Amino acid sequence: MQVLFEEEVSKGRAYIADEANVTLGEMTYSKAGEHLIIIDHTEIDEVLRGQGVGRKLLDAIVRKVRDEGKRILPLCPYAKSVFDKDESIRDVLQ
């Protein structure tokens, strides 16, 4: 499973799609200025639930944010719960 990114001026998403390019999981975010993204939603298709896809999407966003020198504000309940549990990714928190 490869995590792909799609970005617009004020928002973006990390997602996983099948061979027909149908989205099976996504984590969406809004851009709040040049140095902050707000993760606002995570949705995983039933066929992938329980396989760690949400975490894979979050890890991809964390890597991207680190590379770009940005910060994350997790408003999505799933993303917030992962940050609460895993100290190793908190360096990117706003």
PDB file of N, CA and C in Angstrom:
ATOM      1  N   MET A   1       0.834  -1.191   0.000  1.00  0.00           N
ATOM      2  CA  MET A   1       0.000   0.000   0.000  1.00  0.00           C
ATOM      3  C   MET A   1       0.871   1.245   0.000  1.00  0.00           C
ATOM      4  N   GLN A   2       0.688   2.042  -1.002  1.00  0.00           N
ATOM      5  CA  GLN A   2       1.454   3.271  -1.118  1.00  0.00           C
ATOM      6  C   GLN A   2       0.569   4.455  -0.745  1.00  0.00           C
ATOM      7  N   VAL A   3       1.122   5.318   0.096  1.00  0.00           N
ATOM      8  CA  VAL A   3       0.397   6.530   0.474  1.00  0.00           C
ATOM      9  C   VAL A   3       0.689   7.603  -0.565  1.00  0.00           C
ATOM     10  N   LEU A   4      -0.379   8.177  -1.091  1.00  0.00           N
ATOM     11  CA  LEU A   4      -0.273   9.246  -2.073  1.00  0.00           C
ATOM     12  C   LEU A   4      -0.747  10.551  -1.444  1.00  0.00           C
ATOM     13  N   PHE A   5      -0.315  11.663  -2.019  1.00  0.00           N
ATOM     14  CA  PHE A   5      -0.739  12.975  -1.537  1.00  0.00           C
ATOM     15  C   PHE A   5      -1.415  13.740  -2.664  1.00  0.00           C
ATOM     16  N   GLU A   6      -2.392  14.523  -2.262  1.00  0.00           N
ATOM     17  CA  GLU A   6      -3.087  15.420  -3.172  1.00  0.00           C
ATOM     18  C   GLU A   6      -3.238  16.738  -2.420  1.00  0.00           C
ATOM     19  N   GLU A   7      -2.764  17.820  -3.011  1.00  0.00           N
ATOM     20  CA  GLU A   7      -2.829  19.110  -2.318  1.00  0.00           C
ATOM     21  C   GLU A   7      -3.413  20.195  -3.204  1.00  0.00           C
ATOM     22  N   GLU A   8      -4.148  21.082  -2.557  1.00  0.00           N
ATOM     23  CA  GLU A   8      -4.658  22.284  -3.181  1.00  0.00           C
ATOM     24  C   GLU A   8      -4.102  23.466  -2.388  1.00  0.00           C
ATOM     25  N   VAL A   9      -4.533  24.651  -2.698  1.00  0.00           N
ATOM     26  CA  VAL A   9      -3.993  25.842  -2.049  1.00  0.00           C
ATOM     27  C   VAL A   9      -4.200  25.807  -0.533  1.00  0.00           C
ATOM     28  N   SER A  10      -5.408  25.461  -0.098  1.00  0.00           N
ATOM     29  CA  SER A  10      -5.710  25.558   1.336  1.00  0.00           C
ATOM     30  C   SER A  10      -5.966  24.230   2.022  1.00  0.00           C
ATOM     31  N   LYS A  11      -5.893  23.123   1.288  1.00  0.00           N
ATOM     32  CA  LYS A  11      -6.157  21.830   1.912  1.00  0.00           C
ATOM     33  C   LYS A  11      -5.406  20.729   1.190  1.00  0.00           C
ATOM     34  N   GLY A  12      -5.438  19.547   1.808  1.00  0.00           N
ATOM     35  CA  GLY A  12      -4.766  18.412   1.202  1.00  0.00           C
ATOM     36  C   GLY A  12      -5.244  17.117   1.818  1.00  0.00           C
ATOM     37  N   ARG A  13      -4.690  16.025   1.294  1.00  0.00           N
ATOM     38  CA  ARG A  13      -5.021  14.728   1.855  1.00  0.00           C
ATOM     39  C   ARG A  13      -3.923  13.735   1.550  1.00  0.00           C
ATOM     40  N   ALA A  14      -3.765  12.784   2.468  1.00  0.00           N
ATOM     41  CA  ALA A  14      -2.956  11.599   2.234  1.00  0.00           C
ATOM     42  C   ALA A  14      -3.964  10.492   2.017  1.00  0.00           C
ATOM     43  N   TYR A  15      -3.732   9.634   1.016  1.00  0.00           N
ATOM     44  CA  TYR A  15      -4.729   8.614   0.738  1.00  0.00           C
ATOM     45  C   TYR A  15      -4.099   7.356   0.155  1.00  0.00           C
ATOM     46  N   ILE A  16      -4.877   6.288   0.225  1.00  0.00           N
ATOM     47  CA  ILE A  16      -4.516   5.009  -0.370  1.00  0.00           C
ATOM     48  C   ILE A  16      -5.661   4.651  -1.304  1.00  0.00           C
ATOM     49  N   ALA A  17      -5.316   4.240  -2.524  1.00  0.00           N
ATOM     50  CA  ALA A  17      -6.323   3.899  -3.521  1.00  0.00           C
ATOM     51  C   ALA A  17      -6.063   2.493  -4.054  1.00  0.00           C
ATOM     52  N   ASP A  18      -7.106   1.901  -4.620  1.00  0.00           N
ATOM     53  CA  ASP A  18      -6.949   0.588  -5.246  1.00  0.00           C
ATOM     54  C   ASP A  18      -6.458   0.744  -6.689  1.00  0.00           C
ATOM     55  N   GLU A  19      -6.387  -0.360  -7.406  1.00  0.00           N
ATOM     56  CA  GLU A  19      -5.869  -0.339  -8.776  1.00  0.00           C
ATOM     57  C   GLU A  19      -6.705   0.530  -9.714  1.00  0.00           C
ATOM     58  N   ALA A  20      -7.994   0.678  -9.399  1.00  0.00           N
ATOM     59  CA  ALA A  20      -8.887   1.500 -10.226  1.00  0.00           C
ATOM     60  C   ALA A  20      -8.906   2.962  -9.762  1.00  0.00           C
ATOM     61  N   ASN A  21      -7.975   3.313  -8.873  1.00  0.00           N
ATOM     62  CA  ASN A  21      -7.849   4.654  -8.303  1.00  0.00           C
ATOM     63  C   ASN A  21      -9.059   5.071  -7.460  1.00  0.00           C
ATOM     64  N   VAL A  22      -9.708   4.094  -6.843  1.00  0.00           N
ATOM     65  CA  VAL A  22     -10.798   4.354  -5.902  1.00  0.00           C
ATOM     66  C   VAL A  22     -10.179   4.508  -4.516  1.00  0.00           C
ATOM     67  N   THR A  23     -10.470   5.607  -3.844  1.00  0.00           N
ATOM     68  CA  THR A  23      -9.912   5.868  -2.518  1.00  0.00           C
ATOM     69  C   THR A  23     -10.446   4.860  -1.515  1.00  0.00           C
ATOM     70  N   LEU A  24      -9.521   4.182  -0.809  1.00  0.00           N
ATOM     71  CA  LEU A  24      -9.892   3.215   0.221  1.00  0.00           C
ATOM     72  C   LEU A  24      -9.610   3.736   1.625  1.00  0.00           C
ATOM     73  N   GLY A  25      -8.813   4.765   1.720  1.00  0.00           N
ATOM     74  CA  GLY A  25      -8.515   5.382   3.007  1.00  0.00           C
ATOM     75  C   GLY A  25      -7.931   6.752   2.779  1.00  0.00           C
ATOM     76  N   GLU A  26      -8.327   7.705   3.655  1.00  0.00           N
ATOM     77  CA  GLU A  26      -7.769   9.047   3.510  1.00  0.00           C
ATOM     78  C   GLU A  26      -7.734   9.767   4.847  1.00  0.00           C
ATOM     79  N   MET A  27      -6.777  10.663   4.947  1.00  0.00           N
ATOM     80  CA  MET A  27      -6.656  11.571   6.085  1.00  0.00           C
ATOM     81  C   MET A  27      -6.562  12.961   5.473  1.00  0.00           C
ATOM     82  N   THR A  28      -7.521  13.818   5.807  1.00  0.00           N
ATOM     83  CA  THR A  28      -7.564  15.145   5.209  1.00  0.00           C
ATOM     84  C   THR A  28      -7.041  16.197   6.178  1.00  0.00           C
ATOM     85  N   TYR A  29      -6.548  17.276   5.612  1.00  0.00           N
ATOM     86  CA  TYR A  29      -6.020  18.370   6.425  1.00  0.00           C
ATOM     87  C   TYR A  29      -6.236  19.707   5.737  1.00  0.00           C
ATOM     88  N   SER A  30      -6.246  20.739   6.559  1.00  0.00           N
ATOM     89  CA  SER A  30      -6.324  22.118   6.076  1.00  0.00           C
ATOM     90  C   SER A  30      -4.992  22.779   6.355  1.00  0.00           C
ATOM     91  N   LYS A  31      -4.612  23.694   5.485  1.00  0.00           N
ATOM     92  CA  LYS A  31      -3.382  24.449   5.693  1.00  0.00           C
ATOM     93  C   LYS A  31      -3.742  25.743   6.416  1.00  0.00           C
ATOM     94  N   ALA A  32      -3.092  25.975   7.529  1.00  0.00           N
ATOM     95  CA  ALA A  32      -3.334  27.186   8.318  1.00  0.00           C
ATOM     96  C   ALA A  32      -2.047  28.007   8.307  1.00  0.00           C
ATOM     97  N   GLY A  33      -1.866  28.758   7.277  1.00  0.00           N
ATOM     98  CA  GLY A  33      -0.629  29.516   7.126  1.00  0.00           C
ATOM     99  C   GLY A  33       0.439  28.654   6.482  1.00  0.00           C
ATOM    100  N   GLU A  34       1.662  29.153   6.520  1.00  0.00           N
ATOM    101  CA  GLU A  34       2.775  28.464   5.861  1.00  0.00           C
ATOM    102  C   GLU A  34       3.371  27.338   6.678  1.00  0.00           C
ATOM    103  N   HIS A  35       3.149  27.342   7.999  1.00  0.00           N
ATOM    104  CA  HIS A  35       3.873  26.407   8.847  1.00  0.00           C
ATOM    105  C   HIS A  35       2.995  25.489   9.681  1.00  0.00           C
ATOM    106  N   LEU A  36       1.699  25.419   9.382  1.00  0.00           N
ATOM    107  CA  LEU A  36       0.795  24.599  10.188  1.00  0.00           C
ATOM    108  C   LEU A  36      -0.240  23.919   9.308  1.00  0.00           C
ATOM    109  N   ILE A  37      -0.454  22.618   9.580  1.00  0.00           N
ATOM    110  CA  ILE A  37      -1.588  21.924   8.974  1.00  0.00           C
ATOM    111  C   ILE A  37      -2.479  21.410  10.101  1.00  0.00           C
ATOM    112  N   ILE A  38      -3.763  21.361   9.818  1.00  0.00           N
ATOM    113  CA  ILE A  38      -4.752  20.886  10.790  1.00  0.00           C
ATOM    114  C   ILE A  38      -5.362  19.615  10.226  1.00  0.00           C
ATOM    115  N   ILE A  39      -5.066  18.485  10.867  1.00  0.00           N
ATOM    116  CA  ILE A  39      -5.669  17.224  10.437  1.00  0.00           C
ATOM    117  C   ILE A  39      -7.097  17.214  10.949  1.00  0.00           C
ATOM    118  N   ASP A  40      -8.053  17.081  10.023  1.00  0.00           N
ATOM    119  CA  ASP A  40      -9.451  17.219  10.433  1.00  0.00           C
ATOM    120  C   ASP A  40     -10.318  15.987  10.225  1.00  0.00           C
ATOM    121  N   HIS A  41      -9.840  14.998   9.485  1.00  0.00           N
ATOM    122  CA  HIS A  41     -10.707  13.847   9.233  1.00  0.00           C
ATOM    123  C   HIS A  41      -9.895  12.637   8.779  1.00  0.00           C
ATOM    124  N   THR A  42     -10.293  11.464   9.249  1.00  0.00           N
ATOM    125  CA  THR A  42      -9.729  10.205   8.780  1.00  0.00           C
ATOM    126  C   THR A  42     -10.879   9.275   8.441  1.00  0.00           C
ATOM    127  N   GLU A  43     -10.792   8.657   7.289  1.00  0.00           N
ATOM    128  CA  GLU A  43     -11.823   7.689   6.894  1.00  0.00           C
ATOM    129  C   GLU A  43     -11.166   6.513   6.193  1.00  0.00           C
ATOM    130  N   ILE A  44     -11.478   5.308   6.669  1.00  0.00           N
ATOM    131  CA  ILE A  44     -10.923   4.086   6.112  1.00  0.00           C
ATOM    132  C   ILE A  44     -12.075   3.202   5.657  1.00  0.00           C
ATOM    133  N   ASP A  45     -11.987   2.684   4.437  1.00  0.00           N
ATOM    134  CA  ASP A  45     -13.007   1.784   3.915  1.00  0.00           C
ATOM    135  C   ASP A  45     -13.052   0.506   4.756  1.00  0.00           C
ATOM    136  N   GLU A  46     -14.228  -0.068   4.845  1.00  0.00           N
ATOM    137  CA  GLU A  46     -14.441  -1.292   5.637  1.00  0.00           C
ATOM    138  C   GLU A  46     -13.448  -2.397   5.275  1.00  0.00           C
ATOM    139  N   VAL A  47     -13.092  -2.528   3.997  1.00  0.00           N
ATOM    140  CA  VAL A  47     -12.214  -3.619   3.574  1.00  0.00           C
ATOM    141  C   VAL A  47     -10.801  -3.505   4.159  1.00  0.00           C
ATOM    142  N   LEU A  48     -10.420  -2.312   4.614  1.00  0.00           N
ATOM    143  CA  LEU A  48      -9.067  -2.113   5.161  1.00  0.00           C
ATOM    144  C   LEU A  48      -9.057  -1.850   6.669  1.00  0.00           C
ATOM    145  N   ARG A  49     -10.208  -1.781   7.284  1.00  0.00           N
ATOM    146  CA  ARG A  49     -10.241  -1.486   8.723  1.00  0.00           C
ATOM    147  C   ARG A  49      -9.497  -2.554   9.506  1.00  0.00           C
ATOM    148  N   GLY A  50      -8.791  -2.093  10.541  1.00  0.00           N
ATOM    149  CA  GLY A  50      -8.042  -3.002  11.396  1.00  0.00           C
ATOM    150  C   GLY A  50      -6.698  -3.414  10.846  1.00  0.00           C
ATOM    151  N   GLN A  51      -6.278  -2.815   9.743  1.00  0.00           N
ATOM    152  CA  GLN A  51      -5.005  -3.180   9.118  1.00  0.00           C
ATOM    153  C   GLN A  51      -3.932  -2.107   9.291  1.00  0.00           C
ATOM    154  N   GLY A  52      -4.178  -1.122  10.145  1.00  0.00           N
ATOM    155  CA  GLY A  52      -3.182  -0.095  10.410  1.00  0.00           C
ATOM    156  C   GLY A  52      -3.078   0.976   9.345  1.00  0.00           C
ATOM    157  N   VAL A  53      -4.083   1.095   8.500  1.00  0.00           N
ATOM    158  CA  VAL A  53      -4.039   2.064   7.405  1.00  0.00           C
ATOM    159  C   VAL A  53      -4.063   3.499   7.933  1.00  0.00           C
ATOM    160  N   GLY A  54      -4.887   3.768   8.945  1.00  0.00           N
ATOM    161  CA  GLY A  54      -4.928   5.110   9.525  1.00  0.00           C
ATOM    162  C   GLY A  54      -3.560   5.532  10.035  1.00  0.00           C
ATOM    163  N   ARG A  55      -2.879   4.622  10.709  1.00  0.00           N
ATOM    164  CA  ARG A  55      -1.544   4.934  11.230  1.00  0.00           C
ATOM    165  C   ARG A  55      -0.557   5.160  10.089  1.00  0.00           C
ATOM    166  N   LYS A  56      -0.683   4.367   9.042  1.00  0.00           N
ATOM    167  CA  LYS A  56       0.213   4.534   7.897  1.00  0.00           C
ATOM    168  C   LYS A  56       0.018   5.921   7.259  1.00  0.00           C
ATOM    169  N   LEU A  57      -1.223   6.355   7.151  1.00  0.00           N
ATOM    170  CA  LEU A  57      -1.506   7.683   6.605  1.00  0.00           C
ATOM    171  C   LEU A  57      -0.922   8.775   7.508  1.00  0.00           C
ATOM    172  N   LEU A  58      -1.124   8.630   8.823  1.00  0.00           N
ATOM    173  CA  LEU A  58      -0.598   9.630   9.756  1.00  0.00           C
ATOM    174  C   LEU A  58       0.926   9.668   9.710  1.00  0.00           C
ATOM    175  N   ASP A  59       1.561   8.512   9.674  1.00  0.00           N
ATOM    176  CA  ASP A  59       3.024   8.480   9.607  1.00  0.00           C
ATOM    177  C   ASP A  59       3.545   9.170   8.351  1.00  0.00           C
ATOM    178  N   ALA A  60       2.843   9.004   7.237  1.00  0.00           N
ATOM    179  CA  ALA A  60       3.257   9.669   5.988  1.00  0.00           C
ATOM    180  C   ALA A  60       3.135  11.184   6.124  1.00  0.00           C
ATOM    181  N   ILE A  61       2.068  11.649   6.750  1.00  0.00           N
ATOM    182  CA  ILE A  61       1.899  13.089   6.960  1.00  0.00           C
ATOM    183  C   ILE A  61       2.964  13.616   7.907  1.00  0.00           C
ATOM    184  N   VAL A  62       3.256  12.880   8.967  1.00  0.00           N
ATOM    185  CA  VAL A  62       4.298  13.306   9.919  1.00  0.00           C
ATOM    186  C   VAL A  62       5.639  13.427   9.198  1.00  0.00           C
ATOM    187  N   ARG A  63       6.001  12.456   8.366  1.00  0.00           N
ATOM    188  CA  ARG A  63       7.268  12.535   7.610  1.00  0.00           C
ATOM    189  C   ARG A  63       7.283  13.761   6.713  1.00  0.00           C
ATOM    190  N   LYS A  64       6.194  14.007   6.013  1.00  0.00           N
ATOM    191  CA  LYS A  64       6.106  15.165   5.112  1.00  0.00           C
ATOM    192  C   LYS A  64       6.259  16.476   5.880  1.00  0.00           C
ATOM    193  N   VAL A  65       5.582  16.575   7.007  1.00  0.00           N
ATOM    194  CA  VAL A  65       5.635  17.788   7.829  1.00  0.00           C
ATOM    195  C   VAL A  65       7.050  18.007   8.377  1.00  0.00           C
ATOM    196  N   ARG A  66       7.683  16.950   8.810  1.00  0.00           N
ATOM    197  CA  ARG A  66       9.072  17.069   9.303  1.00  0.00           C
ATOM    198  C   ARG A  66       9.981  17.578   8.190  1.00  0.00           C
ATOM    199  N   ASP A  67       9.852  16.989   7.004  1.00  0.00           N
ATOM    200  CA  ASP A  67      10.690  17.397   5.866  1.00  0.00           C
ATOM    201  C   ASP A  67      10.478  18.857   5.493  1.00  0.00           C
ATOM    202  N   GLU A  68       9.255  19.344   5.676  1.00  0.00           N
ATOM    203  CA  GLU A  68       8.918  20.716   5.294  1.00  0.00           C
ATOM    204  C   GLU A  68       9.053  21.711   6.439  1.00  0.00           C
ATOM    205  N   GLY A  69       9.404  21.248   7.633  1.00  0.00           N
ATOM    206  CA  GLY A  69       9.575  22.144   8.774  1.00  0.00           C
ATOM    207  C   GLY A  69       8.271  22.748   9.262  1.00  0.00           C
ATOM    208  N   LYS A  70       7.202  21.968   9.164  1.00  0.00           N
ATOM    209  CA  LYS A  70       5.891  22.457   9.588  1.00  0.00           C
ATOM    210  C   LYS A  70       5.455  21.798  10.889  1.00  0.00           C
ATOM    211  N   ARG A  71       4.266  22.149  11.341  1.00  0.00           N
ATOM    212  CA  ARG A  71       3.668  21.606  12.565  1.00  0.00           C
ATOM    213  C   ARG A  71       2.275  21.074  12.262  1.00  0.00           C
ATOM    214  N   ILE A  72       1.764  20.247  13.182  1.00  0.00           N
ATOM    215  CA  ILE A  72       0.439  19.644  13.037  1.00  0.00           C
ATOM    216  C   ILE A  72      -0.419  19.982  14.240  1.00  0.00           C
ATOM    217  N   LEU A  73      -1.669  20.319  13.975  1.00  0.00           N
ATOM    218  CA  LEU A  73      -2.698  20.439  15.002  1.00  0.00           C
ATOM    219  C   LEU A  73      -3.734  19.355  14.682  1.00  0.00           C
ATOM    220  N   PRO A  74      -3.795  18.288  15.501  1.00  0.00           N
ATOM    221  CA  PRO A  74      -4.716  17.194  15.199  1.00  0.00           C
ATOM    222  C   PRO A  74      -6.104  17.419  15.805  1.00  0.00           C
ATOM    223  N   LEU A  75      -7.064  17.827  14.992  1.00  0.00           N
ATOM    224  CA  LEU A  75      -8.439  17.970  15.457  1.00  0.00           C
ATOM    225  C   LEU A  75      -9.242  16.694  15.212  1.00  0.00           C
ATOM    226  N   CYS A  76      -8.809  15.887  14.297  1.00  0.00           N
ATOM    227  CA  CYS A  76      -9.445  14.590  14.037  1.00  0.00           C
ATOM    228  C   CYS A  76      -9.264  13.701  15.270  1.00  0.00           C
ATOM    229  N   PRO A  77     -10.336  13.121  15.785  1.00  0.00           N
ATOM    230  CA  PRO A  77     -10.219  12.275  16.986  1.00  0.00           C
ATOM    231  C   PRO A  77      -9.227  11.120  16.830  1.00  0.00           C
ATOM    232  N   TYR A  78      -9.181  10.497  15.661  1.00  0.00           N
ATOM    233  CA  TYR A  78      -8.242   9.395  15.469  1.00  0.00           C
ATOM    234  C   TYR A  78      -6.797   9.895  15.554  1.00  0.00           C
ATOM    235  N   ALA A  79      -6.481  10.940  14.795  1.00  0.00           N
ATOM    236  CA  ALA A  79      -5.110  11.464  14.795  1.00  0.00           C
ATOM    237  C   ALA A  79      -4.712  11.933  16.190  1.00  0.00           C
ATOM    238  N   LYS A  80      -5.615  12.602  16.883  1.00  0.00           N
ATOM    239  CA  LYS A  80      -5.320  13.072  18.234  1.00  0.00           C
ATOM    240  C   LYS A  80      -5.024  11.901  19.157  1.00  0.00           C
ATOM    241  N   SER A  81      -5.776  10.816  19.037  1.00  0.00           N
ATOM    242  CA  SER A  81      -5.554   9.662  19.914  1.00  0.00           C
ATOM    243  C   SER A  81      -4.191   9.023  19.662  1.00  0.00           C
ATOM    244  N   VAL A  82      -3.748   9.010  18.424  1.00  0.00           N
ATOM    245  CA  VAL A  82      -2.432   8.447  18.115  1.00  0.00           C
ATOM    246  C   VAL A  82      -1.338   9.339  18.698  1.00  0.00           C
ATOM    247  N   PHE A  83      -1.463  10.646  18.545  1.00  0.00           N
ATOM    248  CA  PHE A  83      -0.479  11.554  19.142  1.00  0.00           C
ATOM    249  C   PHE A  83      -0.446  11.408  20.658  1.00  0.00           C
ATOM    250  N   ASP A  84      -1.607  11.224  21.277  1.00  0.00           N
ATOM    251  CA  ASP A  84      -1.662  11.049  22.736  1.00  0.00           C
ATOM    252  C   ASP A  84      -0.934   9.789  23.177  1.00  0.00           C
ATOM    253  N   LYS A  85      -0.952   8.744  22.357  1.00  0.00           N
ATOM    254  CA  LYS A  85      -0.353   7.453  22.716  1.00  0.00           C
ATOM    255  C   LYS A  85       1.116   7.320  22.336  1.00  0.00           C
ATOM    256  N   ASP A  86       1.561   8.035  21.317  1.00  0.00           N
ATOM    257  CA  ASP A  86       2.901   7.825  20.766  1.00  0.00           C
ATOM    258  C   ASP A  86       3.767   9.086  20.881  1.00  0.00           C
ATOM    259  N   GLU A  87       4.624   9.069  21.860  1.00  0.00           N
ATOM    260  CA  GLU A  87       5.494  10.216  22.129  1.00  0.00           C
ATOM    261  C   GLU A  87       6.485  10.479  20.988  1.00  0.00           C
ATOM    262  N   SER A  88       6.817   9.451  20.204  1.00  0.00           N
ATOM    263  CA  SER A  88       7.855   9.586  19.173  1.00  0.00           C
ATOM    264  C   SER A  88       7.453  10.508  18.019  1.00  0.00           C
ATOM    265  N   ILE A  89       6.173  10.840  17.900  1.00  0.00           N
ATOM    266  CA  ILE A  89       5.751  11.724  16.808  1.00  0.00           C
ATOM    267  C   ILE A  89       5.313  13.101  17.305  1.00  0.00           C
ATOM    268  N   ARG A  90       5.400  13.314  18.587  1.00  0.00           N
ATOM    269  CA  ARG A  90       4.910  14.581  19.156  1.00  0.00           C
ATOM    270  C   ARG A  90       5.784  15.784  18.836  1.00  0.00           C
ATOM    271  N   ASP A  91       6.964  15.565  18.268  1.00  0.00           N
ATOM    272  CA  ASP A  91       7.834  16.689  17.947  1.00  0.00           C
ATOM    273  C   ASP A  91       7.237  17.615  16.906  1.00  0.00           C
ATOM    274  N   VAL A  92       6.231  17.139  16.167  1.00  0.00           N
ATOM    275  CA  VAL A  92       5.601  17.972  15.137  1.00  0.00           C
ATOM    276  C   VAL A  92       4.318  18.636  15.601  1.00  0.00           C
ATOM    277  N   LEU A  93       3.939  18.415  16.844  1.00  0.00           N
ATOM    278  CA  LEU A  93       2.701  19.013  17.356  1.00  0.00           C
ATOM    279  C   LEU A  93       2.831  20.520  17.518  1.00  0.00           C
ATOM    280  N   GLN A  94       1.737  21.197  17.242  1.00  0.00           N
ATOM    281  CA  GLN A  94       1.645  22.650  17.461  1.00  0.00           C
ATOM    282  C   GLN A  94       1.524  22.903  18.944  1.00  0.00           C
TER     283      GLN A  94
END
